[in-house]
Amino acid sequence: MKRRVQRRRVWAKLSPVKGDRVEVVVELGGGETRTYDIVATRAGRRVETTTGRGVVEVTEVTRNGEVVRTARFMQTRVIAVVEHPADDGDAGVQQALIEL
């Protein structure tokens, strides 16, 4: 008698999910500010933030490490970078959508 083993996709639970986002507040000059929202648009994508050589770079990356899109800001103009990791449960995502 053979045992049938059911395989599940474990990576789906371990990988970042849709909803991972980063807010960047930038000074425009004259006391004005603008907020940019970079969001992981599909399941399995993540948003990474790097800083170096006077530039703040926010990239949306796939599971394989391919860069989907990039936003770059001058470090001297950036006031704040706020990272919002995606919730693991669906209830948290629904609650966040209700609050918006």
N, C-alpha and C. Protein backbone atom coordinates (compact mmCIF):
# COMPACT_ATOMS: atom_id res chain seq x y z
N MET A 1 0.84 -1.17 0.00
CA MET A 1 0.00 0.00 0.00
C MET A 1 0.89 1.24 0.00
N LYS A 2 0.68 2.13 -0.98
CA LYS A 2 1.48 3.34 -1.09
C LYS A 2 0.80 4.48 -0.34
N ARG A 3 1.64 5.26 0.29
CA ARG A 3 1.13 6.45 0.97
C ARG A 3 1.22 7.63 0.02
N ARG A 4 0.17 8.32 -0.09
CA ARG A 4 0.16 9.51 -0.95
C ARG A 4 0.49 10.73 -0.07
N VAL A 5 1.51 11.43 -0.48
CA VAL A 5 1.94 12.61 0.28
C VAL A 5 1.43 13.86 -0.43
N GLN A 6 0.76 14.67 0.32
CA GLN A 6 0.25 15.91 -0.26
C GLN A 6 1.27 17.01 -0.03
N ARG A 7 1.68 17.64 -1.11
CA ARG A 7 2.66 18.72 -1.01
C ARG A 7 1.93 20.06 -0.99
N ARG A 8 2.40 20.90 -0.12
CA ARG A 8 1.84 22.24 -0.05
C ARG A 8 2.92 23.25 -0.37
N ARG A 9 2.52 24.39 -0.83
CA ARG A 9 3.46 25.46 -1.13
C ARG A 9 3.79 26.21 0.15
N VAL A 10 4.89 25.87 0.76
CA VAL A 10 5.28 26.49 2.02
C VAL A 10 5.73 27.92 1.79
N TRP A 11 6.36 28.19 0.66
CA TRP A 11 6.87 29.53 0.39
C TRP A 11 5.79 30.59 0.40
N ALA A 12 4.56 30.21 0.12
CA ALA A 12 3.46 31.18 0.09
C ALA A 12 3.23 31.77 1.47
N LYS A 13 3.47 30.97 2.51
CA LYS A 13 3.29 31.49 3.86
C LYS A 13 4.53 32.22 4.35
N LEU A 14 5.70 31.86 3.87
CA LEU A 14 6.93 32.45 4.36
C LEU A 14 7.31 33.74 3.65
N SER A 15 6.87 33.90 2.42
CA SER A 15 7.28 35.07 1.64
C SER A 15 6.41 36.27 1.98
N PRO A 16 6.95 37.47 1.76
CA PRO A 16 6.14 38.68 1.99
C PRO A 16 4.92 38.67 1.08
N VAL A 17 3.89 39.36 1.50
CA VAL A 17 2.64 39.33 0.76
C VAL A 17 2.25 40.71 0.28
N LYS A 18 1.26 40.72 -0.59
CA LYS A 18 0.73 41.97 -1.10
C LYS A 18 0.31 42.87 0.07
N GLY A 19 0.67 44.13 -0.01
CA GLY A 19 0.32 45.05 1.06
C GLY A 19 1.53 45.61 1.77
N ASP A 20 2.69 45.03 1.59
CA ASP A 20 3.93 45.56 2.14
C ASP A 20 4.15 46.93 1.52
N ARG A 21 4.40 47.97 2.34
CA ARG A 21 4.54 49.30 1.77
C ARG A 21 5.51 50.17 2.54
N VAL A 22 5.97 51.23 1.89
CA VAL A 22 6.88 52.20 2.47
C VAL A 22 6.38 53.59 2.13
N GLU A 23 6.33 54.46 3.13
CA GLU A 23 5.97 55.86 2.93
C GLU A 23 7.24 56.70 3.02
N VAL A 24 7.41 57.62 2.07
CA VAL A 24 8.56 58.52 2.08
C VAL A 24 8.03 59.94 2.05
N VAL A 25 8.42 60.74 3.06
CA VAL A 25 8.01 62.14 3.13
C VAL A 25 9.19 62.99 2.66
N VAL A 26 8.95 63.81 1.63
CA VAL A 26 10.01 64.59 1.01
C VAL A 26 9.67 66.07 1.10
N GLU A 27 10.69 66.90 1.41
CA GLU A 27 10.53 68.34 1.44
C GLU A 27 10.68 68.88 0.02
N LEU A 28 9.71 69.68 -0.43
CA LEU A 28 9.75 70.22 -1.78
C LEU A 28 10.37 71.61 -1.82
N GLY A 29 10.50 72.24 -0.68
CA GLY A 29 11.00 73.62 -0.62
C GLY A 29 9.85 74.55 -0.30
N GLY A 30 10.18 75.65 0.37
CA GLY A 30 9.13 76.60 0.74
C GLY A 30 8.18 76.06 1.79
N GLY A 31 8.63 75.08 2.56
CA GLY A 31 7.80 74.53 3.62
C GLY A 31 6.80 73.48 3.16
N GLU A 32 6.79 73.17 1.88
CA GLU A 32 5.87 72.15 1.37
C GLU A 32 6.49 70.76 1.48
N THR A 33 5.63 69.77 1.73
CA THR A 33 6.07 68.37 1.76
C THR A 33 5.16 67.54 0.87
N ARG A 34 5.69 66.44 0.40
CA ARG A 34 4.91 65.50 -0.39
C ARG A 34 5.19 64.09 0.14
N THR A 35 4.15 63.28 0.25
CA THR A 35 4.28 61.91 0.72
C THR A 35 4.13 60.95 -0.46
N TYR A 36 5.11 60.08 -0.61
CA TYR A 36 5.07 59.05 -1.65
C TYR A 36 4.82 57.71 -0.98
N ASP A 37 3.93 56.93 -1.55
CA ASP A 37 3.57 55.61 -1.02
C ASP A 37 4.01 54.56 -2.03
N ILE A 38 4.96 53.72 -1.67
CA ILE A 38 5.41 52.64 -2.54
C ILE A 38 4.86 51.34 -1.97
N VAL A 39 4.07 50.62 -2.77
CA VAL A 39 3.34 49.44 -2.28
C VAL A 39 3.71 48.22 -3.12
N ALA A 40 3.88 47.07 -2.45
CA ALA A 40 4.06 45.80 -3.17
C ALA A 40 2.72 45.46 -3.81
N THR A 41 2.69 45.46 -5.15
CA THR A 41 1.42 45.38 -5.86
C THR A 41 0.85 43.97 -6.00
N ARG A 42 1.70 42.96 -5.89
CA ARG A 42 1.22 41.58 -6.05
C ARG A 42 1.73 40.72 -4.91
N ALA A 43 1.04 39.59 -4.71
CA ALA A 43 1.45 38.66 -3.66
C ALA A 43 2.84 38.12 -3.96
N GLY A 44 3.66 38.01 -2.93
CA GLY A 44 5.00 37.47 -3.09
C GLY A 44 6.05 38.54 -3.33
N ARG A 45 5.64 39.76 -3.56
CA ARG A 45 6.61 40.84 -3.75
C ARG A 45 6.86 41.54 -2.44
N ARG A 46 8.02 42.18 -2.35
CA ARG A 46 8.37 42.91 -1.14
C ARG A 46 8.94 44.26 -1.53
N VAL A 47 9.02 45.15 -0.57
CA VAL A 47 9.57 46.48 -0.80
C VAL A 47 10.82 46.60 0.05
N GLU A 48 11.94 46.96 -0.59
CA GLU A 48 13.23 47.10 0.10
C GLU A 48 13.67 48.55 0.07
N THR A 49 14.30 48.99 1.16
CA THR A 49 14.79 50.36 1.27
C THR A 49 16.29 50.34 1.48
N THR A 50 17.02 51.13 0.69
CA THR A 50 18.47 51.25 0.85
C THR A 50 18.85 52.73 0.84
N THR A 51 19.96 53.02 1.53
CA THR A 51 20.47 54.38 1.59
C THR A 51 21.95 54.35 1.29
N GLY A 52 22.40 55.26 0.45
CA GLY A 52 23.82 55.33 0.15
C GLY A 52 24.14 56.44 -0.83
N ARG A 53 25.28 57.07 -0.64
CA ARG A 53 25.77 58.14 -1.52
C ARG A 53 24.76 59.26 -1.74
N GLY A 54 24.08 59.64 -0.66
CA GLY A 54 23.15 60.75 -0.75
C GLY A 54 21.83 60.44 -1.41
N VAL A 55 21.51 59.16 -1.58
CA VAL A 55 20.26 58.76 -2.24
C VAL A 55 19.54 57.73 -1.38
N VAL A 56 18.23 57.93 -1.22
CA VAL A 56 17.37 56.93 -0.59
C VAL A 56 16.65 56.22 -1.73
N GLU A 57 16.77 54.90 -1.78
CA GLU A 57 16.19 54.12 -2.88
C GLU A 57 15.20 53.12 -2.32
N VAL A 58 13.99 53.12 -2.87
CA VAL A 58 12.95 52.17 -2.47
C VAL A 58 12.61 51.35 -3.71
N THR A 59 12.74 50.01 -3.60
CA THR A 59 12.50 49.15 -4.75
C THR A 59 11.47 48.08 -4.42
N GLU A 60 10.66 47.75 -5.42
CA GLU A 60 9.73 46.63 -5.31
C GLU A 60 10.41 45.44 -5.97
N VAL A 61 10.53 44.33 -5.24
CA VAL A 61 11.31 43.18 -5.69
C VAL A 61 10.44 41.93 -5.68
N THR A 62 10.63 41.05 -6.69
CA THR A 62 9.90 39.78 -6.75
C THR A 62 10.58 38.75 -5.85
N ARG A 63 9.98 37.56 -5.77
CA ARG A 63 10.57 36.47 -4.98
C ARG A 63 11.97 36.12 -5.46
N ASN A 64 12.19 36.20 -6.78
CA ASN A 64 13.48 35.83 -7.37
C ASN A 64 14.53 36.91 -7.22
N GLY A 65 14.16 38.08 -6.73
CA GLY A 65 15.11 39.16 -6.56
C GLY A 65 15.15 40.14 -7.73
N GLU A 66 14.24 39.98 -8.69
CA GLU A 66 14.18 40.90 -9.82
C GLU A 66 13.51 42.20 -9.40
N VAL A 67 14.10 43.32 -9.78
CA VAL A 67 13.55 44.62 -9.45
C VAL A 67 12.41 44.94 -10.42
N VAL A 68 11.24 45.25 -9.87
CA VAL A 68 10.07 45.57 -10.67
C VAL A 68 10.06 47.07 -10.97
N ARG A 69 10.23 47.88 -9.92
CA ARG A 69 10.30 49.33 -10.09
C ARG A 69 11.08 49.95 -8.93
N THR A 70 11.57 51.15 -9.18
CA THR A 70 12.44 51.81 -8.21
C THR A 70 12.04 53.28 -8.07
N ALA A 71 12.11 53.78 -6.84
CA ALA A 71 11.90 55.20 -6.58
C ALA A 71 13.15 55.70 -5.86
N ARG A 72 13.71 56.82 -6.35
CA ARG A 72 14.93 57.38 -5.75
C ARG A 72 14.66 58.80 -5.28
N PHE A 73 15.19 59.12 -4.11
CA PHE A 73 15.00 60.44 -3.52
C PHE A 73 16.35 60.97 -3.03
N MET A 74 16.55 62.30 -3.14
CA MET A 74 17.76 62.91 -2.59
C MET A 74 17.68 62.84 -1.07
N GLN A 75 18.73 62.35 -0.45
CA GLN A 75 18.73 62.13 0.99
C GLN A 75 18.56 63.44 1.77
N THR A 76 19.07 64.54 1.24
CA THR A 76 18.96 65.82 1.94
C THR A 76 17.52 66.33 1.99
N ARG A 77 16.67 65.87 1.08
CA ARG A 77 15.27 66.31 1.02
C ARG A 77 14.31 65.37 1.74
N VAL A 78 14.77 64.18 2.12
CA VAL A 78 13.89 63.20 2.77
C VAL A 78 13.74 63.56 4.24
N ILE A 79 12.50 63.69 4.67
CA ILE A 79 12.21 63.98 6.08
C ILE A 79 12.00 62.70 6.86
N ALA A 80 11.25 61.75 6.28
CA ALA A 80 10.95 60.50 6.98
C ALA A 80 10.76 59.36 6.00
N VAL A 81 11.17 58.16 6.45
CA VAL A 81 10.91 56.92 5.73
C VAL A 81 10.22 55.99 6.71
N VAL A 82 8.98 55.62 6.42
CA VAL A 82 8.18 54.78 7.31
C VAL A 82 7.88 53.48 6.60
N GLU A 83 8.32 52.37 7.19
CA GLU A 83 8.07 51.05 6.61
C GLU A 83 6.88 50.41 7.29
N HIS A 84 5.94 49.92 6.49
CA HIS A 84 4.75 49.24 7.00
C HIS A 84 4.75 47.81 6.47
N PRO A 85 5.22 46.84 7.26
CA PRO A 85 5.19 45.46 6.78
C PRO A 85 3.75 44.96 6.67
N ALA A 86 3.53 44.07 5.73
CA ALA A 86 2.19 43.51 5.53
C ALA A 86 1.84 42.60 6.69
N ASP A 87 0.55 42.55 7.01
CA ASP A 87 0.07 41.66 8.06
C ASP A 87 0.04 40.23 7.55
N ASP A 88 0.20 39.28 8.45
CA ASP A 88 0.15 37.87 8.07
C ASP A 88 -1.28 37.38 7.88
N GLY A 89 -2.20 37.94 8.65
CA GLY A 89 -3.58 37.46 8.58
C GLY A 89 -4.44 38.34 7.71
N ASP A 90 -5.53 37.78 7.22
CA ASP A 90 -6.45 38.53 6.37
C ASP A 90 -7.24 39.55 7.18
N ALA A 91 -7.48 39.27 8.45
CA ALA A 91 -8.27 40.17 9.27
C ALA A 91 -7.60 41.53 9.40
N GLY A 92 -6.30 41.55 9.55
CA GLY A 92 -5.57 42.80 9.67
C GLY A 92 -5.63 43.63 8.40
N VAL A 93 -5.56 42.97 7.26
CA VAL A 93 -5.64 43.67 5.98
C VAL A 93 -7.02 44.26 5.81
N GLN A 94 -8.06 43.51 6.14
CA GLN A 94 -9.41 44.02 6.02
C GLN A 94 -9.63 45.19 6.96
N GLN A 95 -9.08 45.12 8.17
CA GLN A 95 -9.22 46.20 9.13
C GLN A 95 -8.52 47.46 8.61
N ALA A 96 -7.35 47.30 8.01
CA ALA A 96 -6.63 48.45 7.46
C ALA A 96 -7.41 49.09 6.33
N LEU A 97 -8.06 48.29 5.49
CA LEU A 97 -8.84 48.82 4.39
C LEU A 97 -10.07 49.58 4.92
N ILE A 98 -10.66 49.12 5.98
CA ILE A 98 -11.82 49.78 6.56
C ILE A 98 -11.42 51.13 7.12
N GLU A 99 -10.25 51.23 7.74
CA GLU A 99 -9.80 52.48 8.34
C GLU A 99 -9.47 53.53 7.30
N LEU A 100 -9.07 53.12 6.09
CA LEU A 100 -8.75 54.09 5.04
C LEU A 100 -10.02 54.71 4.54
